[in-house]
Amino acid sequence: MKIFFRNYLFLAAITFIAFILPGFLFSLYNDYIFRFELNSVLALGVAALIFPLVRPRIFIVCVFGLFALMECIQFSHLYYFNKPLNIFSLHLMFIEFGEVAKTALVGGGDII
């Protein structure tokens, strides 16, 4: 039981750090102010305490994979445009992708 509790605390701490680290890295890169708000810390703390207890590990891998994908998109946008990705540019990205996909489907597949 002691080993289980130690492993559980280790996984919870790693999960909490994984959630907090991107905000800290953004603050190192530009003028983004790293905020350590109580609501965010409580929500991330609860998630960090729940995630190690979830048994279907594929669910945890999918959640962390989605989280990593979102952070990679955020870092690449920050690197290329020198500003963090906001909700409006994310919305425009999905609209433009939809327009490109619709044009490709309507175009009949003429690539040349």
N, C-alpha and C. Protein backbone atom coordinates (compact mmCIF):
# COMPACT_ATOMS: atom_id res chain seq x y z
N MET A 1 0.82 -1.20 0.00
CA MET A 1 0.00 0.00 0.00
C MET A 1 0.86 1.26 0.00
N LYS A 2 1.99 1.19 0.71
CA LYS A 2 2.87 2.35 0.79
C LYS A 2 3.49 2.64 -0.58
N ILE A 3 3.87 1.58 -1.31
CA ILE A 3 4.45 1.77 -2.64
C ILE A 3 3.41 2.32 -3.60
N PHE A 4 2.17 1.82 -3.52
CA PHE A 4 1.10 2.33 -4.38
C PHE A 4 0.87 3.81 -4.13
N PHE A 5 0.83 4.21 -2.88
CA PHE A 5 0.60 5.62 -2.55
C PHE A 5 1.75 6.49 -3.05
N ARG A 6 2.98 6.00 -2.93
CA ARG A 6 4.14 6.76 -3.41
C ARG A 6 4.08 6.91 -4.93
N ASN A 7 3.76 5.82 -5.63
CA ASN A 7 3.64 5.88 -7.09
C ASN A 7 2.50 6.80 -7.52
N TYR A 8 1.40 6.73 -6.77
CA TYR A 8 0.25 7.59 -7.07
C TYR A 8 0.62 9.06 -6.92
N LEU A 9 1.31 9.41 -5.85
CA LEU A 9 1.73 10.80 -5.65
C LEU A 9 2.72 11.25 -6.72
N PHE A 10 3.61 10.34 -7.11
CA PHE A 10 4.57 10.66 -8.17
C PHE A 10 3.85 10.94 -9.49
N LEU A 11 2.90 10.08 -9.87
CA LEU A 11 2.15 10.29 -11.11
C LEU A 11 1.30 11.56 -11.04
N ALA A 12 0.72 11.84 -9.89
CA ALA A 12 -0.07 13.06 -9.73
C ALA A 12 0.81 14.30 -9.86
N ALA A 13 2.00 14.27 -9.28
CA ALA A 13 2.91 15.41 -9.39
C ALA A 13 3.39 15.61 -10.82
N ILE A 14 3.71 14.52 -11.52
CA ILE A 14 4.14 14.62 -12.91
C ILE A 14 3.00 15.17 -13.78
N THR A 15 1.78 14.73 -13.53
CA THR A 15 0.63 15.23 -14.29
C THR A 15 0.43 16.72 -14.04
N PHE A 16 0.53 17.14 -12.79
CA PHE A 16 0.36 18.56 -12.46
C PHE A 16 1.44 19.39 -13.14
N ILE A 17 2.67 18.92 -13.11
CA ILE A 17 3.77 19.64 -13.76
C ILE A 17 3.56 19.70 -15.27
N ALA A 18 3.06 18.61 -15.86
CA ALA A 18 2.81 18.60 -17.30
C ALA A 18 1.74 19.61 -17.69
N PHE A 19 0.78 19.86 -16.80
CA PHE A 19 -0.25 20.85 -17.09
C PHE A 19 0.26 22.28 -16.88
N ILE A 20 1.12 22.49 -15.92
CA ILE A 20 1.60 23.83 -15.58
C ILE A 20 2.76 24.28 -16.48
N LEU A 21 3.59 23.36 -16.93
CA LEU A 21 4.82 23.68 -17.65
C LEU A 21 4.61 24.50 -18.92
N PRO A 22 3.63 24.22 -19.79
CA PRO A 22 3.50 25.05 -21.00
C PRO A 22 3.27 26.53 -20.71
N GLY A 23 2.47 26.85 -19.72
CA GLY A 23 2.26 28.26 -19.37
C GLY A 23 3.55 28.92 -18.92
N PHE A 24 4.36 28.18 -18.17
CA PHE A 24 5.65 28.72 -17.74
C PHE A 24 6.58 28.92 -18.93
N LEU A 25 6.57 27.97 -19.88
CA LEU A 25 7.42 28.10 -21.06
C LEU A 25 6.98 29.26 -21.94
N PHE A 26 5.66 29.50 -22.05
CA PHE A 26 5.19 30.65 -22.80
C PHE A 26 5.68 31.94 -22.17
N SER A 27 5.73 32.00 -20.85
CA SER A 27 6.17 33.23 -20.19
C SER A 27 7.66 33.48 -20.40
N LEU A 28 8.44 32.45 -20.64
CA LEU A 28 9.86 32.63 -20.92
C LEU A 28 10.09 33.17 -22.32
N TYR A 29 9.20 32.84 -23.25
CA TYR A 29 9.42 33.18 -24.65
C TYR A 29 9.08 34.62 -24.99
N ASN A 30 7.97 35.12 -24.48
CA ASN A 30 7.56 36.48 -24.83
C ASN A 30 6.96 37.18 -23.61
N ASP A 31 6.13 38.17 -23.85
CA ASP A 31 5.58 38.99 -22.77
C ASP A 31 4.37 38.36 -22.09
N TYR A 32 4.14 37.10 -22.30
CA TYR A 32 3.02 36.41 -21.66
C TYR A 32 3.29 36.35 -20.15
N ILE A 33 2.30 36.74 -19.36
CA ILE A 33 2.45 36.75 -17.91
C ILE A 33 1.96 35.41 -17.37
N PHE A 34 2.83 34.70 -16.71
CA PHE A 34 2.47 33.41 -16.13
C PHE A 34 1.61 33.65 -14.90
N ARG A 35 0.35 33.20 -14.97
CA ARG A 35 -0.59 33.40 -13.86
C ARG A 35 -0.80 32.08 -13.14
N PHE A 36 -0.75 32.15 -11.86
CA PHE A 36 -0.95 30.97 -11.01
C PHE A 36 -2.23 31.21 -10.22
N GLU A 37 -3.37 31.21 -10.94
CA GLU A 37 -4.65 31.52 -10.31
C GLU A 37 -5.17 30.34 -9.52
N LEU A 38 -5.91 30.63 -8.48
CA LEU A 38 -6.41 29.59 -7.59
C LEU A 38 -7.35 28.62 -8.31
N ASN A 39 -8.26 29.14 -9.14
CA ASN A 39 -9.19 28.26 -9.85
C ASN A 39 -8.46 27.30 -10.78
N SER A 40 -7.48 27.81 -11.51
CA SER A 40 -6.71 26.96 -12.42
C SER A 40 -5.93 25.90 -11.65
N VAL A 41 -5.31 26.31 -10.57
CA VAL A 41 -4.52 25.37 -9.77
C VAL A 41 -5.41 24.29 -9.18
N LEU A 42 -6.60 24.67 -8.70
CA LEU A 42 -7.52 23.67 -8.15
C LEU A 42 -8.01 22.70 -9.22
N ALA A 43 -8.36 23.23 -10.39
CA ALA A 43 -8.83 22.35 -11.48
C ALA A 43 -7.72 21.41 -11.94
N LEU A 44 -6.52 21.94 -12.11
CA LEU A 44 -5.41 21.09 -12.54
C LEU A 44 -5.02 20.11 -11.44
N GLY A 45 -5.12 20.53 -10.19
CA GLY A 45 -4.82 19.63 -9.08
C GLY A 45 -5.80 18.47 -9.01
N VAL A 46 -7.08 18.76 -9.20
CA VAL A 46 -8.08 17.69 -9.19
C VAL A 46 -7.85 16.74 -10.36
N ALA A 47 -7.57 17.30 -11.55
CA ALA A 47 -7.29 16.44 -12.71
C ALA A 47 -6.04 15.61 -12.47
N ALA A 48 -5.03 16.21 -11.87
CA ALA A 48 -3.79 15.47 -11.60
C ALA A 48 -4.01 14.36 -10.58
N LEU A 49 -4.93 14.55 -9.66
CA LEU A 49 -5.21 13.51 -8.67
C LEU A 49 -6.12 12.41 -9.23
N ILE A 50 -6.95 12.75 -10.20
CA ILE A 50 -7.87 11.75 -10.76
C ILE A 50 -7.19 10.92 -11.85
N PHE A 51 -6.37 11.52 -12.69
CA PHE A 51 -5.80 10.80 -13.83
C PHE A 51 -5.03 9.54 -13.46
N PRO A 52 -4.21 9.51 -12.42
CA PRO A 52 -3.51 8.25 -12.11
C PRO A 52 -4.44 7.12 -11.68
N LEU A 53 -5.66 7.44 -11.26
CA LEU A 53 -6.59 6.41 -10.81
C LEU A 53 -7.42 5.80 -11.95
N VAL A 54 -7.42 6.44 -13.12
CA VAL A 54 -8.22 5.94 -14.24
C VAL A 54 -7.57 4.68 -14.79
N ARG A 55 -8.35 3.62 -14.90
CA ARG A 55 -7.80 2.33 -15.30
C ARG A 55 -7.62 2.16 -16.80
N PRO A 56 -8.53 2.54 -17.66
CA PRO A 56 -8.20 2.36 -19.08
C PRO A 56 -7.09 3.34 -19.48
N ARG A 57 -5.88 2.86 -19.50
CA ARG A 57 -4.73 3.73 -19.75
C ARG A 57 -4.79 4.35 -21.14
N ILE A 58 -5.51 3.73 -22.07
CA ILE A 58 -5.61 4.30 -23.41
C ILE A 58 -6.33 5.65 -23.36
N PHE A 59 -7.28 5.79 -22.43
CA PHE A 59 -7.97 7.08 -22.26
C PHE A 59 -6.98 8.15 -21.81
N ILE A 60 -6.14 7.82 -20.87
CA ILE A 60 -5.14 8.78 -20.38
C ILE A 60 -4.15 9.14 -21.48
N VAL A 61 -3.74 8.14 -22.26
CA VAL A 61 -2.82 8.40 -23.37
C VAL A 61 -3.47 9.31 -24.40
N CYS A 62 -4.75 9.09 -24.69
CA CYS A 62 -5.47 9.95 -25.64
C CYS A 62 -5.61 11.38 -25.12
N VAL A 63 -5.91 11.53 -23.85
CA VAL A 63 -6.04 12.88 -23.27
C VAL A 63 -4.71 13.61 -23.31
N PHE A 64 -3.63 12.93 -22.90
CA PHE A 64 -2.33 13.58 -22.93
C PHE A 64 -1.84 13.81 -24.36
N GLY A 65 -2.19 12.91 -25.28
CA GLY A 65 -1.84 13.12 -26.69
C GLY A 65 -2.54 14.33 -27.27
N LEU A 66 -3.82 14.49 -26.95
CA LEU A 66 -4.57 15.67 -27.41
C LEU A 66 -4.00 16.94 -26.78
N PHE A 67 -3.66 16.86 -25.51
CA PHE A 67 -3.06 18.00 -24.83
C PHE A 67 -1.71 18.36 -25.46
N ALA A 68 -0.90 17.36 -25.77
CA ALA A 68 0.40 17.61 -26.41
C ALA A 68 0.23 18.19 -27.81
N LEU A 69 -0.77 17.72 -28.55
CA LEU A 69 -1.03 18.26 -29.88
C LEU A 69 -1.43 19.73 -29.80
N MET A 70 -2.29 20.07 -28.86
CA MET A 70 -2.70 21.47 -28.71
C MET A 70 -1.51 22.35 -28.32
N GLU A 71 -0.65 21.84 -27.45
CA GLU A 71 0.51 22.63 -27.05
C GLU A 71 1.51 22.78 -28.19
N CYS A 72 1.67 21.75 -29.02
CA CYS A 72 2.56 21.86 -30.19
C CYS A 72 2.03 22.89 -31.18
N ILE A 73 0.71 22.91 -31.39
CA ILE A 73 0.12 23.93 -32.26
C ILE A 73 0.34 25.31 -31.67
N GLN A 74 0.17 25.44 -30.37
CA GLN A 74 0.37 26.74 -29.71
C GLN A 74 1.83 27.18 -29.82
N PHE A 75 2.77 26.27 -29.59
CA PHE A 75 4.19 26.63 -29.68
C PHE A 75 4.58 26.99 -31.11
N SER A 76 4.08 26.26 -32.10
CA SER A 76 4.43 26.58 -33.48
C SER A 76 3.84 27.92 -33.89
N HIS A 77 2.64 28.23 -33.45
CA HIS A 77 2.05 29.54 -33.75
C HIS A 77 2.84 30.64 -33.05
N LEU A 78 3.24 30.40 -31.84
CA LEU A 78 4.04 31.37 -31.10
C LEU A 78 5.39 31.59 -31.76
N TYR A 79 5.99 30.53 -32.26
CA TYR A 79 7.29 30.64 -32.91
C TYR A 79 7.18 31.38 -34.24
N TYR A 80 6.14 31.07 -35.03
CA TYR A 80 6.02 31.64 -36.37
C TYR A 80 5.49 33.07 -36.34
N PHE A 81 4.44 33.33 -35.58
CA PHE A 81 3.81 34.65 -35.57
C PHE A 81 4.27 35.53 -34.41
N ASN A 82 5.02 34.99 -33.49
CA ASN A 82 5.55 35.70 -32.32
C ASN A 82 4.44 36.24 -31.41
N LYS A 83 3.31 35.54 -31.38
CA LYS A 83 2.24 35.86 -30.44
C LYS A 83 1.45 34.58 -30.18
N PRO A 84 0.87 34.46 -29.00
CA PRO A 84 0.13 33.23 -28.69
C PRO A 84 -1.13 33.09 -29.55
N LEU A 85 -1.53 31.88 -29.75
CA LEU A 85 -2.74 31.58 -30.50
C LEU A 85 -3.96 31.97 -29.68
N ASN A 86 -4.86 32.72 -30.28
CA ASN A 86 -6.08 33.09 -29.57
C ASN A 86 -7.27 32.38 -30.21
N ILE A 87 -8.41 32.51 -29.63
CA ILE A 87 -9.58 31.78 -30.09
C ILE A 87 -10.03 32.23 -31.47
N PHE A 88 -9.81 33.49 -31.82
CA PHE A 88 -10.24 33.99 -33.13
C PHE A 88 -9.38 33.40 -34.24
N SER A 89 -8.08 33.35 -34.04
CA SER A 89 -7.22 32.75 -35.07
C SER A 89 -7.44 31.25 -35.17
N LEU A 90 -7.78 30.60 -34.08
CA LEU A 90 -8.11 29.18 -34.12
C LEU A 90 -9.40 28.96 -34.90
N HIS A 91 -10.38 29.82 -34.70
CA HIS A 91 -11.63 29.75 -35.45
C HIS A 91 -11.38 29.96 -36.95
N LEU A 92 -10.54 30.95 -37.29
CA LEU A 92 -10.21 31.19 -38.69
C LEU A 92 -9.48 30.00 -39.31
N MET A 93 -8.64 29.34 -38.53
CA MET A 93 -7.92 28.18 -39.04
C MET A 93 -8.89 27.07 -39.43
N PHE A 94 -9.90 26.83 -38.60
CA PHE A 94 -10.87 25.79 -38.91
C PHE A 94 -11.77 26.20 -40.08
N ILE A 95 -12.12 27.48 -40.19
CA ILE A 95 -12.94 27.94 -41.32
C ILE A 95 -12.16 27.79 -42.62
N GLU A 96 -10.88 28.20 -42.62
CA GLU A 96 -10.08 28.07 -43.83
C GLU A 96 -9.88 26.61 -44.21
N PHE A 97 -9.68 25.74 -43.24
CA PHE A 97 -9.55 24.32 -43.53
C PHE A 97 -10.84 23.78 -44.14
N GLY A 98 -11.98 24.22 -43.62
CA GLY A 98 -13.27 23.80 -44.17
C GLY A 98 -13.46 24.29 -45.60
N GLU A 99 -13.04 25.52 -45.89
CA GLU A 99 -13.14 26.05 -47.25
C GLU A 99 -12.24 25.28 -48.21
N VAL A 100 -11.04 24.96 -47.78
CA VAL A 100 -10.12 24.20 -48.62
C VAL A 100 -10.68 22.80 -48.89
N ALA A 101 -11.21 22.17 -47.85
CA ALA A 101 -11.78 20.83 -48.03
C ALA A 101 -13.00 20.87 -48.94
N LYS A 102 -13.85 21.88 -48.80
CA LYS A 102 -15.03 21.98 -49.66
C LYS A 102 -14.62 22.25 -51.10
N THR A 103 -13.62 23.10 -51.31
CA THR A 103 -13.14 23.37 -52.66
C THR A 103 -12.55 22.12 -53.29
N ALA A 104 -11.84 21.33 -52.51
CA ALA A 104 -11.26 20.09 -53.03
C ALA A 104 -12.34 19.09 -53.41
N LEU A 105 -13.40 19.01 -52.63
CA LEU A 105 -14.48 18.08 -52.94
C LEU A 105 -15.30 18.53 -54.13
N VAL A 106 -15.54 19.83 -54.27
CA VAL A 106 -16.33 20.35 -55.37
C VAL A 106 -15.52 20.36 -56.66
N GLY A 107 -14.21 20.54 -56.55
CA GLY A 107 -13.35 20.64 -57.72
C GLY A 107 -13.29 19.38 -58.56
N GLY A 108 -13.72 18.27 -58.06
CA GLY A 108 -13.73 17.04 -58.84
C GLY A 108 -12.39 16.33 -58.87
N GLY A 109 -11.45 16.78 -58.12
CA GLY A 109 -10.18 16.07 -58.04
C GLY A 109 -9.17 16.46 -59.10
N ASP A 110 -9.39 17.55 -59.83
CA ASP A 110 -8.42 18.00 -60.84
C ASP A 110 -7.25 18.66 -60.14
N ILE A 111 -6.16 17.94 -60.04
CA ILE A 111 -4.98 18.46 -59.34
C ILE A 111 -4.11 19.26 -60.28
N ILE A 112 -4.04 18.86 -61.55
CA ILE A 112 -3.14 19.52 -62.50
C ILE A 112 -3.71 20.82 -62.99
